[in-house]
N, C-alpha and C. Protein backbone atom coordinates (compact mmCIF):
# COMPACT_ATOMS: atom_id res chain seq x y z
N MET A 1 51.25 101.36 68.95
CA MET A 1 52.50 99.33 69.28
C MET A 1 52.50 99.21 68.29
N VAL A 2 51.88 99.99 66.62
CA VAL A 2 52.58 98.99 65.57
C VAL A 2 53.24 100.23 64.95
N ASP A 3 53.52 101.21 65.49
CA ASP A 3 54.38 102.37 64.64
C ASP A 3 55.94 102.62 65.53
N LEU A 4 56.03 101.45 66.64
CA LEU A 4 57.36 101.15 66.89
C LEU A 4 58.09 100.22 66.37
N THR A 5 59.66 100.57 66.03
CA THR A 5 60.64 99.70 65.56
C THR A 5 60.46 98.45 66.51
N ASP A 6 61.06 97.38 65.97
CA ASP A 6 61.49 95.85 66.73
C ASP A 6 62.10 96.63 67.73
N ALA A 7 63.42 97.05 67.84
CA ALA A 7 64.19 97.97 68.55
C ALA A 7 63.38 98.74 70.06
N GLU A 8 62.45 99.66 69.21
CA GLU A 8 61.60 100.59 70.33
C GLU A 8 60.65 100.11 71.00
N ARG A 9 60.22 98.63 70.54
CA ARG A 9 59.07 97.80 71.33
C ARG A 9 59.60 96.74 72.52
N ASN A 10 61.11 96.73 72.09
CA ASN A 10 62.18 95.84 72.87
C ASN A 10 62.36 96.76 74.21
N ASP A 11 62.92 97.48 73.56
CA ASP A 11 63.31 98.59 74.88
C ASP A 11 62.21 99.27 75.91
N TYR A 12 60.94 99.29 75.08
CA TYR A 12 59.85 99.61 75.82
C TYR A 12 59.36 98.68 76.52
N PHE A 13 59.19 97.15 76.40
CA PHE A 13 58.74 96.63 76.99
C PHE A 13 59.91 95.71 77.99
N ALA A 14 61.50 95.97 78.11
CA ALA A 14 62.39 96.34 79.19
C ALA A 14 61.88 97.08 80.35
N GLU A 15 61.23 98.11 79.85
CA GLU A 15 61.34 99.47 81.04
C GLU A 15 60.23 98.90 81.63
N VAL A 16 58.81 98.43 81.33
CA VAL A 16 57.74 97.96 81.77
C VAL A 16 58.45 96.71 82.86
N ASN A 17 58.94 95.70 82.26
CA ASN A 17 60.00 95.04 83.33
C ASN A 17 60.15 95.32 84.01
N GLN A 18 61.21 96.28 84.15
CA GLN A 18 62.14 97.28 84.97
C GLN A 18 61.01 97.45 86.14
N VAL A 19 60.48 98.31 85.62
CA VAL A 19 59.19 98.77 86.59
C VAL A 19 58.41 97.80 87.72
N ALA A 20 58.01 96.74 87.10
CA ALA A 20 57.19 95.69 87.31
C ALA A 20 58.03 94.88 88.11
N LYS A 21 59.21 95.00 88.29
CA LYS A 21 60.62 94.28 89.51
C LYS A 21 60.57 95.41 90.75
N ALA A 22 60.43 96.70 89.88
CA ALA A 22 60.67 97.22 91.21
C ALA A 22 59.40 97.27 91.81
N LEU A 23 57.89 97.44 91.09
CA LEU A 23 56.69 97.19 92.13
C LEU A 23 56.83 95.95 93.10
N HIS A 24 57.49 95.01 92.56
CA HIS A 24 57.24 93.53 93.32
C HIS A 24 58.30 93.84 94.65
N LYS A 25 59.53 94.50 94.05
CA LYS A 25 60.58 94.75 95.49
C LYS A 25 60.13 95.34 96.23
N LEU A 26 59.25 96.43 96.19
CA LEU A 26 58.96 97.58 97.08
C LEU A 26 57.88 97.21 97.61
N PHE A 27 56.61 96.47 97.22
CA PHE A 27 54.70 96.28 97.59
C PHE A 27 54.86 94.60 97.91
N SER A 28 55.54 93.74 97.45
CA SER A 28 55.35 92.06 97.51
C SER A 28 53.84 92.14 96.64
N PRO A 29 53.49 92.34 95.59
CA PRO A 29 52.00 92.06 95.32
C PRO A 29 52.38 90.69 94.95
N ASP A 30 50.98 90.11 94.89
CA ASP A 30 50.60 88.50 94.52
C ASP A 30 51.04 88.41 93.01
N LYS A 31 50.22 89.13 92.40
CA LYS A 31 50.81 89.56 90.81
C LYS A 31 50.71 91.01 90.67
N ILE A 32 50.88 91.63 89.91
CA ILE A 32 50.96 92.35 89.05
C ILE A 32 49.84 92.65 87.94
N ASN A 33 48.89 93.28 87.45
CA ASN A 33 47.88 93.39 86.20
C ASN A 33 48.43 94.32 85.08
N TYR A 34 48.80 94.17 84.25
CA TYR A 34 49.17 95.21 82.88
C TYR A 34 48.12 95.41 82.17
N GLY A 35 47.90 96.98 82.17
CA GLY A 35 46.73 97.48 81.28
C GLY A 35 47.43 98.54 80.35
N ALA A 36 46.89 97.96 78.85
CA ALA A 36 47.05 99.20 77.80
C ALA A 36 46.11 99.91 77.33
N TYR A 37 45.75 101.13 77.56
CA TYR A 37 44.85 101.67 76.50
C TYR A 37 45.23 102.90 75.85
N GLY A 38 44.39 103.44 75.17
CA GLY A 38 45.06 104.35 74.33
C GLY A 38 43.37 104.91 72.86
N ASP A 39 42.33 104.54 73.71
CA ASP A 39 40.82 104.99 72.84
C ASP A 39 41.25 106.53 73.11
N GLY A 40 41.92 107.41 73.99
CA GLY A 40 41.49 108.46 73.78
C GLY A 40 42.97 109.72 73.47
N GLY A 41 43.66 109.25 73.04
CA GLY A 41 44.79 109.49 72.99
C GLY A 41 45.84 109.31 71.91
N SER A 42 46.98 109.84 71.74
CA SER A 42 47.61 109.20 70.92
C SER A 42 49.28 108.76 71.21
N HIS A 43 49.30 108.03 72.37
CA HIS A 43 50.60 107.78 73.37
C HIS A 43 50.24 106.44 73.34
N LEU A 44 51.15 105.69 73.73
CA LEU A 44 51.35 104.15 74.21
C LEU A 44 51.72 104.64 75.55
N HIS A 45 50.71 104.34 77.18
CA HIS A 45 51.41 103.78 78.29
C HIS A 45 50.64 102.64 78.44
N PHE A 46 51.43 102.09 79.90
CA PHE A 46 50.81 101.11 80.74
C PHE A 46 50.51 101.09 81.68
N HIS A 47 49.41 100.63 82.42
CA HIS A 47 49.19 100.95 83.84
C HIS A 47 49.66 99.16 84.57
N LEU A 48 50.49 99.61 85.70
CA LEU A 48 50.85 98.65 86.45
C LEU A 48 50.53 98.47 87.77
N VAL A 49 49.33 97.52 88.19
CA VAL A 49 48.35 97.66 89.37
C VAL A 49 48.92 96.47 90.27
N PRO A 50 49.63 96.81 91.54
CA PRO A 50 49.93 95.59 92.34
C PRO A 50 48.69 95.12 92.92
N LYS A 51 48.42 93.49 92.93
CA LYS A 51 47.16 92.97 93.32
C LYS A 51 47.53 91.83 94.59
N TYR A 52 46.54 92.13 95.64
CA TYR A 52 46.87 91.45 96.42
C TYR A 52 45.63 90.02 97.03
N GLU A 53 45.63 89.41 96.79
CA GLU A 53 45.06 88.22 97.09
C GLU A 53 44.08 88.37 98.28
N GLY A 54 42.73 88.07 98.20
CA GLY A 54 41.75 88.53 98.88
C GLY A 54 41.45 90.11 99.15
N GLU A 55 42.47 91.12 98.29
CA GLU A 55 41.84 92.25 98.51
C GLU A 55 40.98 92.88 97.34
N PHE A 56 40.33 93.73 97.21
CA PHE A 56 39.67 94.62 96.41
C PHE A 56 39.71 94.07 95.02
N GLU A 57 39.59 93.35 94.13
CA GLU A 57 39.22 93.30 92.50
C GLU A 57 40.29 92.10 92.41
N TRP A 58 40.91 91.43 93.76
CA TRP A 58 41.32 90.08 93.41
C TRP A 58 40.92 89.23 92.19
N GLY A 59 41.27 88.53 91.23
CA GLY A 59 40.75 88.01 89.95
C GLY A 59 40.04 88.63 89.37
N THR A 60 39.74 89.77 89.25
CA THR A 60 39.27 90.69 87.81
C THR A 60 40.31 91.84 87.59
N PRO A 61 40.12 92.17 85.96
CA PRO A 61 41.13 93.23 85.80
C PRO A 61 40.59 94.81 87.23
N PHE A 62 41.54 95.46 87.10
CA PHE A 62 41.69 96.80 88.04
C PHE A 62 40.48 97.97 87.18
N ALA A 63 39.90 98.27 87.70
CA ALA A 63 39.17 99.60 87.42
C ALA A 63 40.03 100.68 87.73
N MET A 64 39.72 101.50 86.75
CA MET A 64 40.82 102.82 86.33
C MET A 64 40.73 103.74 87.49
N ASN A 65 39.66 104.27 87.73
CA ASN A 65 39.01 104.85 89.38
C ASN A 65 38.28 104.49 90.71
N PRO A 66 38.71 103.28 91.19
CA PRO A 66 37.33 103.02 91.97
C PRO A 66 37.22 103.68 92.93
N GLY A 67 37.90 104.22 93.69
CA GLY A 67 37.09 105.41 94.48
C GLY A 67 37.86 104.79 95.75
N GLU A 68 38.62 103.48 95.83
CA GLU A 68 38.62 102.32 96.92
C GLU A 68 39.81 102.93 98.07
N LYS A 69 40.68 103.06 96.88
CA LYS A 69 41.69 103.21 98.43
C LYS A 69 42.41 104.65 98.21
N PHE A 70 42.71 105.57 99.11
CA PHE A 70 43.55 106.72 99.26
C PHE A 70 44.63 106.49 100.26
N LEU A 71 45.52 107.30 99.87
CA LEU A 71 46.78 107.24 101.32
C LEU A 71 46.41 108.44 101.92
N ALA A 72 46.95 108.66 102.73
CA ALA A 72 46.67 109.76 104.29
C ALA A 72 47.04 111.26 103.71
N ASP A 73 48.30 111.85 102.55
CA ASP A 73 48.45 112.88 102.63
C ASP A 73 49.53 112.78 101.24
N ASP A 74 49.79 114.13 100.54
CA ASP A 74 50.68 114.09 99.23
C ASP A 74 51.56 113.61 100.09
N ALA A 75 52.59 113.27 101.23
CA ALA A 75 53.55 113.28 101.67
C ALA A 75 53.89 111.47 101.27
N ALA A 76 52.30 111.15 101.97
CA ALA A 76 52.84 109.73 101.55
C ALA A 76 52.48 108.93 100.43
N TYR A 77 51.83 109.35 98.94
CA TYR A 77 52.67 109.71 97.44
C TYR A 77 53.40 110.11 97.27
N GLU A 78 54.69 110.73 97.57
CA GLU A 78 55.76 111.53 97.12
C GLU A 78 56.77 110.40 97.78
N LYS A 79 55.89 109.82 98.93
CA LYS A 79 57.51 108.85 99.98
C LYS A 79 57.32 107.37 98.65
N ILE A 80 56.10 107.01 97.81
CA ILE A 80 55.94 106.00 97.26
C ILE A 80 57.01 106.34 95.63
N ALA A 81 56.56 107.71 95.29
CA ALA A 81 57.60 107.83 94.31
C ALA A 81 58.57 107.72 94.52
N ALA A 82 59.12 108.68 95.45
CA ALA A 82 60.53 108.72 95.67
C ALA A 82 61.34 106.56 95.71
N ASP A 83 60.19 106.02 96.30
CA ASP A 83 60.79 105.21 96.69
C ASP A 83 61.29 104.37 95.19
N LEU A 84 60.11 104.48 94.58
CA LEU A 84 59.82 103.73 92.86
C LEU A 84 61.31 104.81 92.15
N ARG A 85 61.44 106.01 92.14
CA ARG A 85 62.77 106.38 91.61
C ARG A 85 63.86 106.18 91.97
N ALA A 86 63.89 105.50 93.11
CA ALA A 86 65.30 105.36 93.63
C ALA A 86 65.57 103.27 93.52
N GLU A 87 64.50 102.81 93.41
CA GLU A 87 64.63 101.60 93.01
C GLU A 87 64.96 101.51 91.78
N LEU A 88 64.31 102.18 90.64
CA LEU A 88 65.03 102.58 89.29
C LEU A 88 66.42 103.05 88.88
N GLY A 89 66.47 103.92 89.83
CA GLY A 89 68.09 104.57 89.85
C GLY A 89 67.86 105.92 89.32
N LEU A 90 66.80 106.61 89.60
CA LEU A 90 66.04 107.72 88.27
C LEU A 90 66.45 108.89 89.23
């Protein structure tokens, strides 16, 4: 984060916000958890995790791999990816 210029940081967070808005539109979460991790690598990335009141981990930070929920098949994952790409204009 500290290696980014002000313009790069602002552009980065504008994109994070764009993805968050797309997640809200497509999945109607009650909130989104944002996580930035970098101990194991030299790149910057964020996790955006839709959260729903009353469901697993509500009111707590999200686990990286809780093994709690999986989709039925690869086609279900591709549908989510396609919907996100369409919403983001990619």
